[in-house]
Amino acid sequence: MTQIKPAQKDICVLEERINALESRNLFQDDVIEQLSEELAVHQAQIAELREQIQLVANRLKDAGSLASSKEEIEPPPPHY
């Protein structure tokens, strides 16, 4: 039976640690890429929602100015 010298054992341990770190690094790179893609999708959705909110706000503003410009304002119903 051959004995592994302490220096060879240390090298084996270091190689295992390097391989583990490389594996973790590849996994993290993949996760970062996925998160980046998801973030881009969310940013596009937020931009679209902002446009829709602005459109609704403009419509409400226009409807409010139309209602206030009416000459005759209806009184509230009797049950108020």
PDB file of N, CA and C in Angstrom:
ATOM      1  N   MET A   1       0.840  -1.181   0.000  1.00  0.00           N
ATOM      2  CA  MET A   1       0.000   0.000   0.000  1.00  0.00           C
ATOM      3  C   MET A   1       0.881   1.239   0.000  1.00  0.00           C
ATOM      4  N   THR A   2       0.598   2.153  -0.929  1.00  0.00           N
ATOM      5  CA  THR A   2       1.402   3.370  -1.014  1.00  0.00           C
ATOM      6  C   THR A   2       0.791   4.431  -0.126  1.00  0.00           C
ATOM      7  N   GLN A   3       1.663   5.136   0.480  1.00  0.00           N
ATOM      8  CA  GLN A   3       1.208   6.209   1.359  1.00  0.00           C
ATOM      9  C   GLN A   3       1.253   7.529   0.609  1.00  0.00           C
ATOM     10  N   ILE A   4       0.239   8.339   0.842  1.00  0.00           N
ATOM     11  CA  ILE A   4       0.203   9.660   0.233  1.00  0.00           C
ATOM     12  C   ILE A   4       0.990  10.598   1.133  1.00  0.00           C
ATOM     13  N   LYS A   5       1.906  11.297   0.531  1.00  0.00           N
ATOM     14  CA  LYS A   5       2.715  12.248   1.285  1.00  0.00           C
ATOM     15  C   LYS A   5       1.843  13.433   1.707  1.00  0.00           C
ATOM     16  N   PRO A   6       2.194  14.072   2.811  1.00  0.00           N
ATOM     17  CA  PRO A   6       1.379  15.221   3.273  1.00  0.00           C
ATOM     18  C   PRO A   6       1.231  16.306   2.207  1.00  0.00           C
ATOM     19  N   ALA A   7       2.260  16.569   1.431  1.00  0.00           N
ATOM     20  CA  ALA A   7       2.162  17.609   0.393  1.00  0.00           C
ATOM     21  C   ALA A   7       1.172  17.196  -0.683  1.00  0.00           C
ATOM     22  N   GLN A   8       1.162  15.924  -1.061  1.00  0.00           N
ATOM     23  CA  GLN A   8       0.212  15.445  -2.073  1.00  0.00           C
ATOM     24  C   GLN A   8      -1.213  15.503  -1.533  1.00  0.00           C
ATOM     25  N   LYS A   9      -1.364  15.194  -0.254  1.00  0.00           N
ATOM     26  CA  LYS A   9      -2.693  15.254   0.365  1.00  0.00           C
ATOM     27  C   LYS A   9      -3.209  16.688   0.371  1.00  0.00           C
ATOM     28  N   ASP A  10      -2.320  17.619   0.697  1.00  0.00           N
ATOM     29  CA  ASP A  10      -2.715  19.026   0.687  1.00  0.00           C
ATOM     30  C   ASP A  10      -3.117  19.468  -0.711  1.00  0.00           C
ATOM     31  N   ILE A  11      -2.389  19.014  -1.709  1.00  0.00           N
ATOM     32  CA  ILE A  11      -2.713  19.370  -3.097  1.00  0.00           C
ATOM     33  C   ILE A  11      -4.075  18.798  -3.483  1.00  0.00           C
ATOM     34  N   CYS A  12      -4.340  17.562  -3.088  1.00  0.00           N
ATOM     35  CA  CYS A  12      -5.642  16.955  -3.385  1.00  0.00           C
ATOM     36  C   CYS A  12      -6.778  17.739  -2.720  1.00  0.00           C
ATOM     37  N   VAL A  13      -6.570  18.134  -1.479  1.00  0.00           N
ATOM     38  CA  VAL A  13      -7.585  18.907  -0.761  1.00  0.00           C
ATOM     39  C   VAL A  13      -7.806  20.246  -1.453  1.00  0.00           C
ATOM     40  N   LEU A  14      -6.732  20.896  -1.854  1.00  0.00           N
ATOM     41  CA  LEU A  14      -6.858  22.181  -2.550  1.00  0.00           C
ATOM     42  C   LEU A  14      -7.562  22.024  -3.887  1.00  0.00           C
ATOM     43  N   GLU A  15      -7.263  20.963  -4.613  1.00  0.00           N
ATOM     44  CA  GLU A  15      -7.940  20.721  -5.895  1.00  0.00           C
ATOM     45  C   GLU A  15      -9.434  20.510  -5.693  1.00  0.00           C
ATOM     46  N   GLU A  16      -9.792  19.755  -4.659  1.00  0.00           N
ATOM     47  CA  GLU A  16     -11.210  19.533  -4.363  1.00  0.00           C
ATOM     48  C   GLU A  16     -11.907  20.847  -4.011  1.00  0.00           C
ATOM     49  N   ARG A  17     -11.226  21.669  -3.243  1.00  0.00           N
ATOM     50  CA  ARG A  17     -11.815  22.956  -2.862  1.00  0.00           C
ATOM     51  C   ARG A  17     -11.964  23.861  -4.086  1.00  0.00           C
ATOM     52  N   ILE A  18     -10.957  23.856  -4.958  1.00  0.00           N
ATOM     53  CA  ILE A  18     -11.041  24.668  -6.180  1.00  0.00           C
ATOM     54  C   ILE A  18     -12.184  24.180  -7.061  1.00  0.00           C
ATOM     55  N   ASN A  19     -12.321  22.876  -7.208  1.00  0.00           N
ATOM     56  CA  ASN A  19     -13.421  22.329  -8.014  1.00  0.00           C
ATOM     57  C   ASN A  19     -14.771  22.714  -7.419  1.00  0.00           C
ATOM     58  N   ALA A  20     -14.875  22.651  -6.087  1.00  0.00           N
ATOM     59  CA  ALA A  20     -16.134  23.039  -5.442  1.00  0.00           C
ATOM     60  C   ALA A  20     -16.426  24.516  -5.675  1.00  0.00           C
ATOM     61  N   LEU A  21     -15.402  25.358  -5.577  1.00  0.00           N
ATOM     62  CA  LEU A  21     -15.588  26.794  -5.813  1.00  0.00           C
ATOM     63  C   LEU A  21     -15.977  27.080  -7.260  1.00  0.00           C
ATOM     64  N   GLU A  22     -15.354  26.377  -8.198  1.00  0.00           N
ATOM     65  CA  GLU A  22     -15.700  26.567  -9.607  1.00  0.00           C
ATOM     66  C   GLU A  22     -17.143  26.158  -9.872  1.00  0.00           C
ATOM     67  N   SER A  23     -17.577  25.070  -9.253  1.00  0.00           N
ATOM     68  CA  SER A  23     -18.967  24.629  -9.422  1.00  0.00           C
ATOM     69  C   SER A  23     -19.932  25.662  -8.870  1.00  0.00           C
ATOM     70  N   ARG A  24     -19.623  26.182  -7.686  1.00  0.00           N
ATOM     71  CA  ARG A  24     -20.478  27.210  -7.087  1.00  0.00           C
ATOM     72  C   ARG A  24     -20.502  28.459  -7.955  1.00  0.00           C
ATOM     73  N   ASN A  25     -19.356  28.820  -8.495  1.00  0.00           N
ATOM     74  CA  ASN A  25     -19.262  30.005  -9.350  1.00  0.00           C
ATOM     75  C   ASN A  25     -20.129  29.842 -10.598  1.00  0.00           C
ATOM     76  N   LEU A  26     -20.078  28.672 -11.228  1.00  0.00           N
ATOM     77  CA  LEU A  26     -20.904  28.432 -12.411  1.00  0.00           C
ATOM     78  C   LEU A  26     -22.386  28.493 -12.063  1.00  0.00           C
ATOM     79  N   PHE A  27     -22.755  27.911 -10.929  1.00  0.00           N
ATOM     80  CA  PHE A  27     -24.145  27.952 -10.493  1.00  0.00           C
ATOM     81  C   PHE A  27     -24.587  29.392 -10.247  1.00  0.00           C
ATOM     82  N   GLN A  28     -23.750  30.172  -9.574  1.00  0.00           N
ATOM     83  CA  GLN A  28     -24.095  31.564  -9.293  1.00  0.00           C
ATOM     84  C   GLN A  28     -24.198  32.381 -10.578  1.00  0.00           C
ATOM     85  N   ASP A  29     -23.316  32.115 -11.529  1.00  0.00           N
ATOM     86  CA  ASP A  29     -23.408  32.819 -12.817  1.00  0.00           C
ATOM     87  C   ASP A  29     -24.737  32.526 -13.498  1.00  0.00           C
ATOM     88  N   ASP A  30     -25.165  31.268 -13.442  1.00  0.00           N
ATOM     89  CA  ASP A  30     -26.443  30.886 -14.052  1.00  0.00           C
ATOM     90  C   ASP A  30     -27.607  31.580 -13.346  1.00  0.00           C
ATOM     91  N   VAL A  31     -27.577  31.607 -12.034  1.00  0.00           N
ATOM     92  CA  VAL A  31     -28.646  32.251 -11.265  1.00  0.00           C
ATOM     93  C   VAL A  31     -28.677  33.755 -11.547  1.00  0.00           C
ATOM     94  N   ILE A  32     -27.501  34.370 -11.620  1.00  0.00           N
ATOM     95  CA  ILE A  32     -27.440  35.803 -11.906  1.00  0.00           C
ATOM     96  C   ILE A  32     -28.021  36.095 -13.290  1.00  0.00           C
ATOM     97  N   GLU A  33     -27.724  35.249 -14.254  1.00  0.00           N
ATOM     98  CA  GLU A  33     -28.269  35.442 -15.612  1.00  0.00           C
ATOM     99  C   GLU A  33     -29.793  35.315 -15.598  1.00  0.00           C
ATOM    100  N   GLN A  34     -30.301  34.325 -14.889  1.00  0.00           N
ATOM    101  CA  GLN A  34     -31.751  34.151 -14.792  1.00  0.00           C
ATOM    102  C   GLN A  34     -32.408  35.355 -14.116  1.00  0.00           C
ATOM    103  N   LEU A  35     -31.800  35.836 -13.045  1.00  0.00           N
ATOM    104  CA  LEU A  35     -32.350  37.001 -12.342  1.00  0.00           C
ATOM    105  C   LEU A  35     -32.307  38.245 -13.221  1.00  0.00           C
ATOM    106  N   SER A  36     -31.252  38.375 -13.995  1.00  0.00           N
ATOM    107  CA  SER A  36     -31.135  39.519 -14.887  1.00  0.00           C
ATOM    108  C   SER A  36     -32.241  39.500 -15.942  1.00  0.00           C
ATOM    109  N   GLU A  37     -32.499  38.331 -16.500  1.00  0.00           N
ATOM    110  CA  GLU A  37     -33.575  38.208 -17.489  1.00  0.00           C
ATOM    111  C   GLU A  37     -34.933  38.509 -16.861  1.00  0.00           C
ATOM    112  N   GLU A  38     -35.149  37.992 -15.663  1.00  0.00           N
ATOM    113  CA  GLU A  38     -36.417  38.237 -14.963  1.00  0.00           C
ATOM    114  C   GLU A  38     -36.576  39.720 -14.631  1.00  0.00           C
ATOM    115  N   LEU A  39     -35.496  40.363 -14.238  1.00  0.00           N
ATOM    116  CA  LEU A  39     -35.529  41.790 -13.938  1.00  0.00           C
ATOM    117  C   LEU A  39     -35.885  42.599 -15.183  1.00  0.00           C
ATOM    118  N   ALA A  40     -35.332  42.214 -16.311  1.00  0.00           N
ATOM    119  CA  ALA A  40     -35.648  42.916 -17.558  1.00  0.00           C
ATOM    120  C   ALA A  40     -37.134  42.785 -17.892  1.00  0.00           C
ATOM    121  N   VAL A  41     -37.689  41.608 -17.685  1.00  0.00           N
ATOM    122  CA  VAL A  41     -39.124  41.397 -17.936  1.00  0.00           C
ATOM    123  C   VAL A  41     -39.948  42.279 -17.007  1.00  0.00           C
ATOM    124  N   HIS A  42     -39.570  42.310 -15.731  1.00  0.00           N
ATOM    125  CA  HIS A  42     -40.320  43.119 -14.759  1.00  0.00           C
ATOM    126  C   HIS A  42     -40.214  44.610 -15.069  1.00  0.00           C
ATOM    127  N   GLN A  43     -39.053  45.052 -15.496  1.00  0.00           N
ATOM    128  CA  GLN A  43     -38.906  46.466 -15.844  1.00  0.00           C
ATOM    129  C   GLN A  43     -39.796  46.836 -17.024  1.00  0.00           C
ATOM    130  N   ALA A  44     -39.905  45.951 -17.997  1.00  0.00           N
ATOM    131  CA  ALA A  44     -40.784  46.205 -19.138  1.00  0.00           C
ATOM    132  C   ALA A  44     -42.241  46.257 -18.687  1.00  0.00           C
ATOM    133  N   GLN A  45     -42.617  45.355 -17.794  1.00  0.00           N
ATOM    134  CA  GLN A  45     -43.996  45.348 -17.288  1.00  0.00           C
ATOM    135  C   GLN A  45     -44.284  46.622 -16.493  1.00  0.00           C
ATOM    136  N   ILE A  46     -43.341  47.058 -15.699  1.00  0.00           N
ATOM    137  CA  ILE A  46     -43.527  48.291 -14.913  1.00  0.00           C
ATOM    138  C   ILE A  46     -43.686  49.483 -15.843  1.00  0.00           C
ATOM    139  N   ALA A  47     -42.886  49.548 -16.893  1.00  0.00           N
ATOM    140  CA  ALA A  47     -42.998  50.655 -17.847  1.00  0.00           C
ATOM    141  C   ALA A  47     -44.373  50.653 -18.514  1.00  0.00           C
ATOM    142  N   GLU A  48     -44.845  49.474 -18.875  1.00  0.00           N
ATOM    143  CA  GLU A  48     -46.170  49.372 -19.504  1.00  0.00           C
ATOM    144  C   GLU A  48     -47.269  49.784 -18.530  1.00  0.00           C
ATOM    145  N   LEU A  49     -47.159  49.360 -17.278  1.00  0.00           N
ATOM    146  CA  LEU A  49     -48.163  49.734 -16.280  1.00  0.00           C
ATOM    147  C   LEU A  49     -48.153  51.231 -16.010  1.00  0.00           C
ATOM    148  N   ARG A  50     -46.969  51.830 -16.006  1.00  0.00           N
ATOM    149  CA  ARG A  50     -46.897  53.282 -15.822  1.00  0.00           C
ATOM    150  C   ARG A  50     -47.613  54.008 -16.947  1.00  0.00           C
ATOM    151  N   GLU A  51     -47.415  53.530 -18.169  1.00  0.00           N
ATOM    152  CA  GLU A  51     -48.094  54.151 -19.313  1.00  0.00           C
ATOM    153  C   GLU A  51     -49.613  54.019 -19.160  1.00  0.00           C
ATOM    154  N   GLN A  52     -50.067  52.845 -18.738  1.00  0.00           N
ATOM    155  CA  GLN A  52     -51.504  52.633 -18.570  1.00  0.00           C
ATOM    156  C   GLN A  52     -52.059  53.521 -17.454  1.00  0.00           C
ATOM    157  N   ILE A  53     -51.332  53.659 -16.359  1.00  0.00           N
ATOM    158  CA  ILE A  53     -51.779  54.528 -15.264  1.00  0.00           C
ATOM    159  C   ILE A  53     -51.854  55.978 -15.731  1.00  0.00           C
ATOM    160  N   GLN A  54     -50.862  56.402 -16.504  1.00  0.00           N
ATOM    161  CA  GLN A  54     -50.876  57.768 -17.023  1.00  0.00           C
ATOM    162  C   GLN A  54     -52.069  57.987 -17.940  1.00  0.00           C
ATOM    163  N   LEU A  55     -52.377  56.997 -18.757  1.00  0.00           N
ATOM    164  CA  LEU A  55     -53.531  57.087 -19.655  1.00  0.00           C
ATOM    165  C   LEU A  55     -54.824  57.202 -18.851  1.00  0.00           C
ATOM    166  N   VAL A  56     -54.967  56.372 -17.822  1.00  0.00           N
ATOM    167  CA  VAL A  56     -56.166  56.427 -16.978  1.00  0.00           C
ATOM    168  C   VAL A  56     -56.255  57.777 -16.255  1.00  0.00           C
ATOM    169  N   ALA A  57     -55.126  58.255 -15.746  1.00  0.00           N
ATOM    170  CA  ALA A  57     -55.116  59.544 -15.051  1.00  0.00           C
ATOM    171  C   ALA A  57     -55.537  60.662 -16.000  1.00  0.00           C
ATOM    172  N   ASN A  58     -55.040  60.623 -17.218  1.00  0.00           N
ATOM    173  CA  ASN A  58     -55.425  61.649 -18.204  1.00  0.00           C
ATOM    174  C   ASN A  58     -56.911  61.576 -18.526  1.00  0.00           C
ATOM    175  N   ARG A  59     -57.432  60.361 -18.644  1.00  0.00           N
ATOM    176  CA  ARG A  59     -58.865  60.212 -18.932  1.00  0.00           C
ATOM    177  C   ARG A  59     -59.699  60.732 -17.764  1.00  0.00           C
ATOM    178  N   LEU A  60     -59.272  60.421 -16.540  1.00  0.00           N
ATOM    179  CA  LEU A  60     -60.010  60.925 -15.377  1.00  0.00           C
ATOM    180  C   LEU A  60     -59.949  62.446 -15.310  1.00  0.00           C
ATOM    181  N   LYS A  61     -58.799  62.996 -15.630  1.00  0.00           N
ATOM    182  CA  LYS A  61     -58.646  64.450 -15.616  1.00  0.00           C
ATOM    183  C   LYS A  61     -59.568  65.082 -16.662  1.00  0.00           C
ATOM    184  N   ASP A  62     -59.589  64.478 -17.845  1.00  0.00           N
ATOM    185  CA  ASP A  62     -60.462  64.992 -18.907  1.00  0.00           C
ATOM    186  C   ASP A  62     -61.931  64.848 -18.525  1.00  0.00           C
ATOM    187  N   ALA A  63     -62.292  63.723 -17.936  1.00  0.00           N
ATOM    188  CA  ALA A  63     -63.685  63.510 -17.530  1.00  0.00           C
ATOM    189  C   ALA A  63     -64.064  64.481 -16.423  1.00  0.00           C
ATOM    190  N   GLY A  64     -63.139  64.761 -15.529  1.00  0.00           N
ATOM    191  CA  GLY A  64     -63.415  65.708 -14.445  1.00  0.00           C
ATOM    192  C   GLY A  64     -63.597  67.116 -14.959  1.00  0.00           C
ATOM    193  N   SER A  65     -62.809  67.503 -15.939  1.00  0.00           N
ATOM    194  CA  SER A  65     -62.957  68.852 -16.486  1.00  0.00           C
ATOM    195  C   SER A  65     -64.237  68.968 -17.303  1.00  0.00           C
ATOM    196  N   LEU A  66     -64.661  67.879 -17.938  1.00  0.00           N
ATOM    197  CA  LEU A  66     -65.921  67.897 -18.667  1.00  0.00           C
ATOM    198  C   LEU A  66     -67.093  68.019 -17.699  1.00  0.00           C
ATOM    199  N   ALA A  67     -67.022  67.305 -16.579  1.00  0.00           N
ATOM    200  CA  ALA A  67     -68.116  67.333 -15.614  1.00  0.00           C
ATOM    201  C   ALA A  67     -68.214  68.703 -14.950  1.00  0.00           C
ATOM    202  N   SER A  68     -67.069  69.326 -14.670  1.00  0.00           N
ATOM    203  CA  SER A  68     -67.126  70.625 -14.000  1.00  0.00           C
ATOM    204  C   SER A  68     -67.518  71.742 -14.964  1.00  0.00           C
ATOM    205  N   SER A  69     -67.387  71.497 -16.252  1.00  0.00           N
ATOM    206  CA  SER A  69     -67.734  72.545 -17.206  1.00  0.00           C
ATOM    207  C   SER A  69     -69.219  72.523 -17.581  1.00  0.00           C
ATOM    208  N   LYS A  70     -69.949  71.547 -17.069  1.00  0.00           N
ATOM    209  CA  LYS A  70     -71.388  71.512 -17.361  1.00  0.00           C
ATOM    210  C   LYS A  70     -72.066  72.716 -16.713  1.00  0.00           C
ATOM    211  N   GLU A  71     -72.988  73.297 -17.425  1.00  0.00           N
ATOM    212  CA  GLU A  71     -73.686  74.453 -16.878  1.00  0.00           C
ATOM    213  C   GLU A  71     -74.614  74.056 -15.741  1.00  0.00           C
ATOM    214  N   GLU A  72     -75.247  72.923 -15.907  1.00  0.00           N
ATOM    215  CA  GLU A  72     -76.235  72.517 -14.915  1.00  0.00           C
ATOM    216  C   GLU A  72     -75.668  71.339 -14.118  1.00  0.00           C
ATOM    217  N   ILE A  73     -75.565  71.542 -12.813  1.00  0.00           N
ATOM    218  CA  ILE A  73     -75.104  70.471 -11.939  1.00  0.00           C
ATOM    219  C   ILE A  73     -76.334  69.847 -11.310  1.00  0.00           C
ATOM    220  N   GLU A  74     -76.408  68.538 -11.444  1.00  0.00           N
ATOM    221  CA  GLU A  74     -77.575  67.834 -10.904  1.00  0.00           C
ATOM    222  C   GLU A  74     -77.522  67.821  -9.388  1.00  0.00           C
ATOM    223  N   PRO A  75     -78.650  68.070  -8.737  1.00  0.00           N
ATOM    224  CA  PRO A  75     -78.672  67.979  -7.270  1.00  0.00           C
ATOM    225  C   PRO A  75     -78.598  66.506  -6.867  1.00  0.00           C
ATOM    226  N   PRO A  76     -78.159  66.229  -5.671  1.00  0.00           N
ATOM    227  CA  PRO A  76     -78.093  64.834  -5.245  1.00  0.00           C
ATOM    228  C   PRO A  76     -79.484  64.242  -5.116  1.00  0.00           C
ATOM    229  N   PRO A  77     -79.608  62.952  -5.239  1.00  0.00           N
ATOM    230  CA  PRO A  77     -80.917  62.323  -5.089  1.00  0.00           C
ATOM    231  C   PRO A  77     -81.495  62.590  -3.697  1.00  0.00           C
ATOM    232  N   PRO A  78     -82.808  62.475  -3.550  1.00  0.00           N
ATOM    233  CA  PRO A  78     -83.448  62.828  -2.279  1.00  0.00           C
ATOM    234  C   PRO A  78     -82.994  61.972  -1.092  1.00  0.00           C
ATOM    235  N   HIS A  79     -82.523  60.799  -1.332  1.00  0.00           N
ATOM    236  CA  HIS A  79     -82.165  59.939  -0.195  1.00  0.00           C
ATOM    237  C   HIS A  79     -80.792  60.311   0.404  1.00  0.00           C
ATOM    238  N   TYR A  80     -80.138  61.351  -0.086  1.00  0.00           N
ATOM    239  CA  TYR A  80     -78.858  61.783   0.484  1.00  0.00           C
ATOM    240  C   TYR A  80     -79.064  62.870   1.489  1.00  0.00           C
TER     241      TYR A  80
END
